[in-house]
Amino acid sequence: MTPLPNLRAIQGILCSTNSGDLSFLESIRGAIWEDRNYENFAQNGYIKNVIAFRAIHMIATAAGSVRLTLNKITKGGVFQINNHPILKLLARPNSSMTRSELIEGIITYRLISGNSYILSIKNSEDVIQELHLLRPDRVEIASKNGYVLYKYSVNDEVHEFHTNHTSLLHHSLLHLKNFHPLNDWYGLSPIEAASYSIQQHNQASYLRENI
């Protein structure tokens, strides 16, 4: 049986705590990251928390390692296709990404923010040439004339993607999101759902290093 804590010893420690220590203890009671936004999810729930980072990293890398195949279904059976433009596109989505990196990015963004945005760049013949990931915190969703409008802000520039005539602009934006019971536009971040537990772990780690 685990022995009960020495209550007298604990009482002595509390009685000997000076005002500065009490101020420190009081300061850590509050939430470390009360604001629920992408930056805090990424900083406190992914970058600064080894458990959440490891969990997200394992899921993303596992998804990225899955071998993708393209099959054609006919009356005679299922046949694998080894040479097709979509396979070439996925093998090298853009000049700076591999297929695994693209999939890992999609999964990681969605697990952190609840949303992933994939931008396809098309040529004049409306054929997709490249795939790019957009950072979720740079994307704003709005409604305009009955259509969904995506605004992507980077380097003081705003790029608008309209869902009603994407082919005319030689691009298309795919929005993958988790179900959110209180939001029509944005997905629910798994980190937000686990924020209380993550916060407790971060606080415990902070205490171990500073007391």
Protein backbone atom coordinates (compact mmCIF):
# COMPACT_ATOMS: atom_id res chain seq x y z
CA MET A 1 0.00 0.00 0.00
CA THR A 2 1.29 3.45 -0.88
CA PRO A 3 2.03 5.39 2.33
CA LEU A 4 -0.03 8.48 3.00
CA PRO A 5 1.78 11.79 2.48
CA ASN A 6 3.36 13.39 5.53
CA LEU A 7 0.77 16.06 6.28
CA ARG A 8 2.95 17.74 8.90
CA ALA A 9 5.79 18.07 6.43
CA ILE A 10 3.47 19.54 3.80
CA GLN A 11 2.06 21.98 6.35
CA GLY A 12 5.58 23.04 7.26
CA ILE A 13 6.45 23.70 3.63
CA LEU A 14 3.33 25.80 3.12
CA CYS A 15 3.97 27.78 6.31
CA SER A 16 7.53 28.52 5.25
CA THR A 17 6.59 29.71 1.77
CA ASN A 18 7.36 33.38 1.31
CA SER A 19 5.19 35.91 -0.51
CA GLY A 20 7.22 35.62 -3.69
CA ASP A 21 6.65 31.88 -3.83
CA LEU A 22 2.94 32.38 -3.18
CA SER A 23 2.77 34.83 -6.06
CA PHE A 24 4.48 32.25 -8.27
CA LEU A 25 2.08 29.50 -7.21
CA GLU A 26 -0.89 31.80 -7.78
CA SER A 27 0.34 32.72 -11.25
CA ILE A 28 0.42 29.13 -12.46
CA ARG A 29 -3.16 28.43 -11.41
CA GLY A 30 -4.59 30.32 -14.36
CA ALA A 31 -4.65 29.03 -17.88
CA ILE A 32 -1.37 29.28 -19.74
CA TRP A 33 -3.16 29.69 -23.07
CA GLU A 34 -6.73 30.78 -22.59
CA ASP A 35 -7.06 32.08 -26.17
CA ARG A 36 -8.26 29.30 -28.43
CA ASN A 37 -6.55 30.00 -31.74
CA TYR A 38 -4.18 28.29 -34.14
CA GLU A 39 -1.03 29.97 -32.83
CA ASN A 40 -1.67 28.79 -29.28
CA PHE A 41 -2.68 25.32 -30.44
CA ALA A 42 0.57 25.07 -32.40
CA GLN A 43 2.81 26.59 -29.72
CA ASN A 44 1.43 25.06 -26.53
CA GLY A 45 -0.31 21.97 -27.83
CA TYR A 46 2.25 20.82 -30.41
CA ILE A 47 5.64 22.56 -30.22
CA LYS A 48 5.87 22.74 -26.41
CA ASN A 49 4.12 19.49 -25.48
CA VAL A 50 6.11 16.35 -26.19
CA ILE A 51 3.15 13.99 -25.75
CA ALA A 52 0.83 15.81 -28.17
CA PHE A 53 3.71 16.34 -30.61
CA ARG A 54 4.60 12.66 -30.54
CA ALA A 55 0.99 11.58 -31.04
CA ILE A 56 0.42 13.94 -33.98
CA HIS A 57 3.80 13.12 -35.51
CA MET A 58 3.16 9.37 -35.34
CA ILE A 59 -0.25 9.68 -36.99
CA ALA A 60 1.03 12.01 -39.71
CA THR A 61 4.13 9.96 -40.57
CA ALA A 62 2.12 6.73 -40.57
CA ALA A 63 -0.35 8.26 -43.04
CA GLY A 64 2.50 9.61 -45.15
CA SER A 65 4.15 6.20 -45.36
CA VAL A 66 1.09 4.47 -46.83
CA ARG A 67 1.69 3.33 -50.40
CA LEU A 68 -0.91 4.73 -52.78
CA THR A 69 -2.10 2.79 -55.80
CA LEU A 70 -4.42 3.68 -58.66
CA ASN A 71 -6.82 1.01 -59.83
CA LYS A 72 -9.30 0.71 -62.67
CA ILE A 73 -12.47 -1.23 -62.03
CA THR A 74 -13.97 -3.01 -65.02
CA LYS A 75 -16.42 -5.84 -65.55
CA GLY A 76 -13.43 -8.14 -65.88
CA GLY A 77 -11.96 -7.18 -62.53
CA VAL A 78 -9.70 -4.63 -60.87
CA PHE A 79 -6.50 -3.60 -62.63
CA GLN A 80 -3.69 -1.50 -61.22
CA ILE A 81 -2.55 1.51 -63.25
CA ASN A 82 1.16 2.29 -62.98
CA ASN A 83 1.42 5.25 -65.34
CA HIS A 84 -1.01 8.14 -64.90
CA PRO A 85 -0.73 11.95 -64.49
CA ILE A 86 -2.27 11.83 -61.02
CA LEU A 87 0.45 9.44 -59.84
CA LYS A 88 3.13 11.78 -61.13
CA LEU A 89 1.42 14.71 -59.43
CA LEU A 90 1.24 12.94 -56.08
CA ALA A 91 4.82 11.73 -56.36
CA ARG A 92 5.98 15.34 -56.68
CA PRO A 93 3.14 17.71 -55.68
CA ASN A 94 5.36 20.78 -56.07
CA SER A 95 9.03 21.69 -56.36
CA SER A 96 9.62 21.63 -52.60
CA MET A 97 7.47 18.68 -51.45
CA THR A 98 7.33 14.93 -51.80
CA ARG A 99 4.16 12.86 -51.58
CA SER A 100 4.92 11.87 -47.98
CA GLU A 101 5.56 15.47 -46.96
CA LEU A 102 2.28 16.59 -48.52
CA ILE A 103 0.25 13.94 -46.70
CA GLU A 104 2.07 14.53 -43.41
CA GLY A 105 1.36 18.25 -43.73
CA ILE A 106 -2.33 17.66 -44.45
CA ILE A 107 -2.71 15.42 -41.40
CA THR A 108 -0.63 17.64 -39.09
CA TYR A 109 -2.50 20.84 -39.98
CA ARG A 110 -5.83 19.11 -39.51
CA LEU A 111 -4.88 17.63 -36.14
CA ILE A 112 -3.61 20.98 -34.87
CA SER A 113 -6.26 23.32 -36.24
CA GLY A 114 -9.10 21.04 -37.32
CA ASN A 115 -8.63 22.30 -40.90
CA SER A 116 -6.40 21.58 -43.89
CA TYR A 117 -6.37 23.62 -47.10
CA ILE A 118 -4.97 22.17 -50.33
CA LEU A 119 -4.49 24.55 -53.25
CA SER A 120 -4.22 23.11 -56.75
CA ILE A 121 -2.61 25.09 -59.55
CA LYS A 122 -3.93 24.37 -63.03
CA ASN A 123 -2.65 25.11 -66.51
CA SER A 124 -4.59 26.76 -69.31
CA GLU A 125 -6.19 23.41 -70.15
CA ASP A 126 -7.56 23.12 -66.59
CA VAL A 127 -5.17 20.28 -65.71
CA ILE A 128 -3.71 20.30 -62.20
CA GLN A 129 0.05 20.87 -62.25
CA GLU A 130 0.88 21.47 -58.58
CA LEU A 131 -0.54 20.98 -55.08
CA HIS A 132 0.28 23.33 -52.21
CA LEU A 133 -0.69 23.45 -48.53
CA LEU A 134 -1.96 26.70 -47.02
CA ARG A 135 -1.32 27.50 -43.38
CA PRO A 136 -4.68 27.41 -41.58
CA ASP A 137 -4.04 30.60 -39.60
CA ARG A 138 -3.65 32.53 -42.85
CA VAL A 139 -7.01 31.44 -44.24
CA GLU A 140 -10.22 33.33 -43.53
CA ILE A 141 -13.58 32.01 -44.68
CA ALA A 142 -16.39 34.36 -45.67
CA SER A 143 -19.69 34.18 -47.53
CA LYS A 144 -20.18 36.35 -50.61
CA ASN A 145 -23.23 36.36 -52.89
CA GLY A 146 -24.26 32.94 -51.66
CA TYR A 147 -20.85 31.39 -52.25
CA VAL A 148 -18.00 30.54 -49.90
CA LEU A 149 -14.98 32.79 -50.23
CA TYR A 150 -11.53 31.87 -48.93
CA LYS A 151 -9.08 34.69 -48.22
CA TYR A 152 -5.41 33.76 -47.89
CA SER A 153 -3.21 36.48 -46.38
CA VAL A 154 0.59 36.32 -46.65
CA ASN A 155 3.29 39.00 -46.96
CA ASP A 156 0.71 41.81 -46.78
CA GLU A 157 -1.12 40.37 -49.77
CA VAL A 158 -4.60 38.84 -49.80
CA HIS A 159 -5.50 36.16 -52.33
CA GLU A 160 -9.17 35.30 -52.78
CA PHE A 161 -10.44 31.91 -53.86
CA HIS A 162 -14.08 31.73 -54.95
CA THR A 163 -15.79 28.37 -54.90
CA ASN A 164 -18.19 29.29 -57.71
CA HIS A 165 -15.73 29.82 -60.56
CA THR A 166 -12.43 28.27 -59.58
CA SER A 167 -11.78 26.67 -62.96
CA LEU A 168 -11.82 30.08 -64.64
CA LEU A 169 -9.02 31.25 -62.36
CA HIS A 170 -6.89 28.13 -62.92
CA HIS A 171 -6.89 27.12 -59.28
CA SER A 172 -9.04 25.17 -56.89
CA LEU A 173 -9.04 25.05 -53.11
CA LEU A 174 -9.97 21.91 -51.18
CA HIS A 175 -10.94 22.42 -47.54
CA LEU A 176 -10.73 19.35 -45.29
CA LYS A 177 -12.18 19.88 -41.84
CA ASN A 178 -13.28 18.06 -38.72
CA PHE A 179 -16.89 18.22 -37.59
CA HIS A 180 -17.57 21.18 -35.32
CA PRO A 181 -20.94 21.29 -33.51
CA LEU A 182 -20.81 25.08 -33.06
CA ASN A 183 -19.15 26.33 -36.24
CA ASP A 184 -20.44 26.18 -39.80
CA TRP A 185 -17.16 27.12 -41.47
CA TYR A 186 -14.19 25.85 -39.48
CA GLY A 187 -13.40 22.39 -38.13
CA LEU A 188 -12.87 21.57 -34.46
CA SER A 189 -9.24 21.22 -33.41
CA PRO A 190 -8.47 17.98 -31.52
CA ILE A 191 -5.99 20.03 -29.48
CA GLU A 192 -8.82 22.32 -28.39
CA ALA A 193 -10.77 19.32 -27.17
CA ALA A 194 -7.69 18.11 -25.27
CA SER A 195 -6.53 21.57 -24.19
CA TYR A 196 -7.31 21.12 -20.49
CA SER A 197 -5.21 17.95 -20.22
CA ILE A 198 -2.42 19.44 -22.33
CA GLN A 199 -2.44 22.55 -20.17
CA GLN A 200 -2.12 20.46 -17.01
CA HIS A 201 0.86 18.61 -18.46
CA ASN A 202 2.54 21.86 -19.50
CA GLN A 203 1.98 23.33 -16.03
CA ALA A 204 3.39 20.23 -14.34
CA SER A 205 6.50 20.38 -16.54
CA TYR A 206 6.89 24.08 -15.75
CA LEU A 207 6.62 23.37 -12.02
CA ARG A 208 9.28 20.66 -12.13
CA GLU A 209 11.71 23.06 -13.78
CA ASN A 210 11.04 26.10 -11.59
CA ILE A 211 10.43 24.84 -8.06
